[in-house]
Structure formats: C-alpha cells, structure tokens
Amino acid sequence: MSSPIHYRNPRLQKIVHAKQGKAQLCLGSMELVDQDMEILANFLLRDDTKLTSLNLENNRTGPSGAEHLSLALRTNKVKYL
C-alpha cells in the first residue's frame, strides 16, 4: 500500500470524502472490487478517521481486497465490520 494508487472510483471517493469525521460508513451493495478496497484502506489509515462501523456486505471483493483492508484495520478503530 505504500505505492500511489492509480485506480480511481469517483463514486466511492465522493462517498468516503463526504463521510470524513463520521462514525459509520455503509458501502453495501455497491459492486466494489479489490481495487476499491485499496482506496478504502488509504482512507482508514488517515489519522483523522473517526470511523467505528463499516458495512461492506454484498460486494465483489476477493483475497486481494481483504488483504488491503486487513492491513488498514490493524491500526484503525473500526469495531464493527
């Protein structure tokens, strides 16, 4: 995750940006893929993230996306996934 992200998802980035400072983020049924999890992981690694609840149900992520999230969740305060 140290390399810059070249993949973009404007819809996801807009939602994540709008939820800065919020405790909950619902991204269920958005057809998110592994690359989207890298975007989300970078958001979770920010120092100002207050997120404690993250909903990712019914998406299309696999092992690579799970790896991105697991690395970010090690240092984040998310309690409910």
C-alpha atoms as a PDB file:
ATOM      1  CA  MET A   1       0.000   0.000   0.000  1.00  0.00           C
ATOM      2  CA  SER A   2       2.971   2.337   0.010  1.00  0.00           C
ATOM      3  CA  SER A   3       2.836   2.899  -3.760  1.00  0.00           C
ATOM      4  CA  PRO A   4       0.464   5.527  -5.165  1.00  0.00           C
ATOM      5  CA  ILE A   5      -2.987   4.364  -6.194  1.00  0.00           C
ATOM      6  CA  HIS A   6      -3.608   4.633  -9.937  1.00  0.00           C
ATOM      7  CA  TYR A   7      -7.094   3.108  -9.898  1.00  0.00           C
ATOM      8  CA  ARG A   8      -9.925   5.579  -9.345  1.00  0.00           C
ATOM      9  CA  ASN A   9     -13.562   5.170  -8.371  1.00  0.00           C
ATOM     10  CA  PRO A  10     -15.075   8.678  -8.286  1.00  0.00           C
ATOM     11  CA  ARG A  11     -18.330   7.448  -6.733  1.00  0.00           C
ATOM     12  CA  LEU A  12     -16.536   5.688  -3.861  1.00  0.00           C
ATOM     13  CA  GLN A  13     -14.111   8.562  -3.360  1.00  0.00           C
ATOM     14  CA  LYS A  14     -17.003  11.053  -3.171  1.00  0.00           C
ATOM     15  CA  ILE A  15     -18.834   8.940  -0.570  1.00  0.00           C
ATOM     16  CA  VAL A  16     -15.692   8.409   1.528  1.00  0.00           C
ATOM     17  CA  HIS A  17     -14.843  12.113   1.395  1.00  0.00           C
ATOM     18  CA  ALA A  18     -18.384  13.064   2.461  1.00  0.00           C
ATOM     19  CA  LYS A  19     -18.171  10.691   5.440  1.00  0.00           C
ATOM     20  CA  GLN A  20     -14.945  12.117   6.876  1.00  0.00           C
ATOM     21  CA  GLY A  21     -15.355  12.578  10.614  1.00  0.00           C
ATOM     22  CA  LYS A  22     -18.391  10.277  10.758  1.00  0.00           C
ATOM     23  CA  ALA A  23     -18.579   7.111  12.870  1.00  0.00           C
ATOM     24  CA  GLN A  24     -20.425   4.953  10.309  1.00  0.00           C
ATOM     25  CA  LEU A  25     -19.787   4.172   6.660  1.00  0.00           C
ATOM     26  CA  CYS A  26     -22.191   1.999   4.679  1.00  0.00           C
ATOM     27  CA  LEU A  27     -20.827   0.732   1.368  1.00  0.00           C
ATOM     28  CA  GLY A  28     -23.063  -2.311   0.997  1.00  0.00           C
ATOM     29  CA  SER A  29     -24.195  -3.497  -2.465  1.00  0.00           C
ATOM     30  CA  MET A  30     -22.001  -1.025  -4.352  1.00  0.00           C
ATOM     31  CA  GLU A  31     -20.322  -3.626  -6.607  1.00  0.00           C
ATOM     32  CA  LEU A  32     -16.956  -2.749  -5.038  1.00  0.00           C
ATOM     33  CA  VAL A  33     -13.918  -4.737  -6.210  1.00  0.00           C
ATOM     34  CA  ASP A  34     -10.447  -5.407  -4.813  1.00  0.00           C
ATOM     35  CA  GLN A  35      -9.029  -2.123  -6.138  1.00  0.00           C
ATOM     36  CA  ASP A  36     -11.767  -0.219  -4.301  1.00  0.00           C
ATOM     37  CA  MET A  37     -10.565  -1.754  -1.049  1.00  0.00           C
ATOM     38  CA  GLU A  38      -7.193  -0.100  -1.627  1.00  0.00           C
ATOM     39  CA  ILE A  39      -8.938   3.286  -1.828  1.00  0.00           C
ATOM     40  CA  LEU A  40     -10.875   2.466   1.329  1.00  0.00           C
ATOM     41  CA  ALA A  41      -7.753   1.231   3.135  1.00  0.00           C
ATOM     42  CA  ASN A  42      -5.982   4.517   2.459  1.00  0.00           C
ATOM     43  CA  PHE A  43      -8.969   6.342   3.936  1.00  0.00           C
ATOM     44  CA  LEU A  44      -8.859   4.121   7.028  1.00  0.00           C
ATOM     45  CA  LEU A  45      -5.162   4.830   7.529  1.00  0.00           C
ATOM     46  CA  ARG A  46      -5.728   8.576   7.856  1.00  0.00           C
ATOM     47  CA  ASP A  47      -5.101   9.977  11.316  1.00  0.00           C
ATOM     48  CA  ASP A  48      -8.374  11.916  11.390  1.00  0.00           C
ATOM     49  CA  THR A  49     -10.630   8.923  10.720  1.00  0.00           C
ATOM     50  CA  LYS A  50     -13.319   8.532  13.390  1.00  0.00           C
ATOM     51  CA  LEU A  51     -14.913   5.503  11.749  1.00  0.00           C
ATOM     52  CA  THR A  52     -16.078   2.755  14.114  1.00  0.00           C
ATOM     53  CA  SER A  53     -18.609   0.927  11.900  1.00  0.00           C
ATOM     54  CA  LEU A  54     -18.057  -0.215   8.309  1.00  0.00           C
ATOM     55  CA  ASN A  55     -20.627  -2.089   6.189  1.00  0.00           C
ATOM     56  CA  LEU A  56     -19.263  -3.839   3.101  1.00  0.00           C
ATOM     57  CA  GLU A  57     -21.899  -6.520   2.552  1.00  0.00           C
ATOM     58  CA  ASN A  58     -22.784  -7.731  -0.948  1.00  0.00           C
ATOM     59  CA  ASN A  59     -19.730  -6.515  -2.836  1.00  0.00           C
ATOM     60  CA  ARG A  60     -17.337  -8.291  -5.219  1.00  0.00           C
ATOM     61  CA  THR A  61     -14.085  -8.204  -3.316  1.00  0.00           C
ATOM     62  CA  GLY A  62     -11.720 -11.121  -3.017  1.00  0.00           C
ATOM     63  CA  PRO A  63      -8.490 -12.028  -1.226  1.00  0.00           C
ATOM     64  CA  SER A  64      -6.541  -9.028  -2.521  1.00  0.00           C
ATOM     65  CA  GLY A  65      -9.194  -6.592  -1.305  1.00  0.00           C
ATOM     66  CA  ALA A  66      -9.352  -8.359   2.049  1.00  0.00           C
ATOM     67  CA  GLU A  67      -5.586  -8.006   2.380  1.00  0.00           C
ATOM     68  CA  HIS A  68      -5.755  -4.245   1.780  1.00  0.00           C
ATOM     69  CA  LEU A  69      -8.456  -3.927   4.424  1.00  0.00           C
ATOM     70  CA  SER A  70      -6.753  -6.154   6.964  1.00  0.00           C
ATOM     71  CA  LEU A  71      -3.577  -4.084   6.845  1.00  0.00           C
ATOM     72  CA  ALA A  72      -5.540  -0.868   7.396  1.00  0.00           C
ATOM     73  CA  LEU A  73      -7.743  -2.314  10.133  1.00  0.00           C
ATOM     74  CA  ARG A  74      -4.713  -3.246  12.225  1.00  0.00           C
ATOM     75  CA  THR A  75      -4.198   0.416  13.047  1.00  0.00           C
ATOM     76  CA  ASN A  76      -7.782   1.688  12.840  1.00  0.00           C
ATOM     77  CA  LYS A  77     -10.536   1.915  15.427  1.00  0.00           C
ATOM     78  CA  VAL A  78     -13.259   0.155  13.423  1.00  0.00           C
ATOM     79  CA  LYS A  79     -15.181  -2.065  15.839  1.00  0.00           C
ATOM     80  CA  TYR A  80     -17.973  -3.302  13.573  1.00  0.00           C
ATOM     81  CA  LEU A  81     -17.360  -4.692  10.115  1.00  0.00           C
END
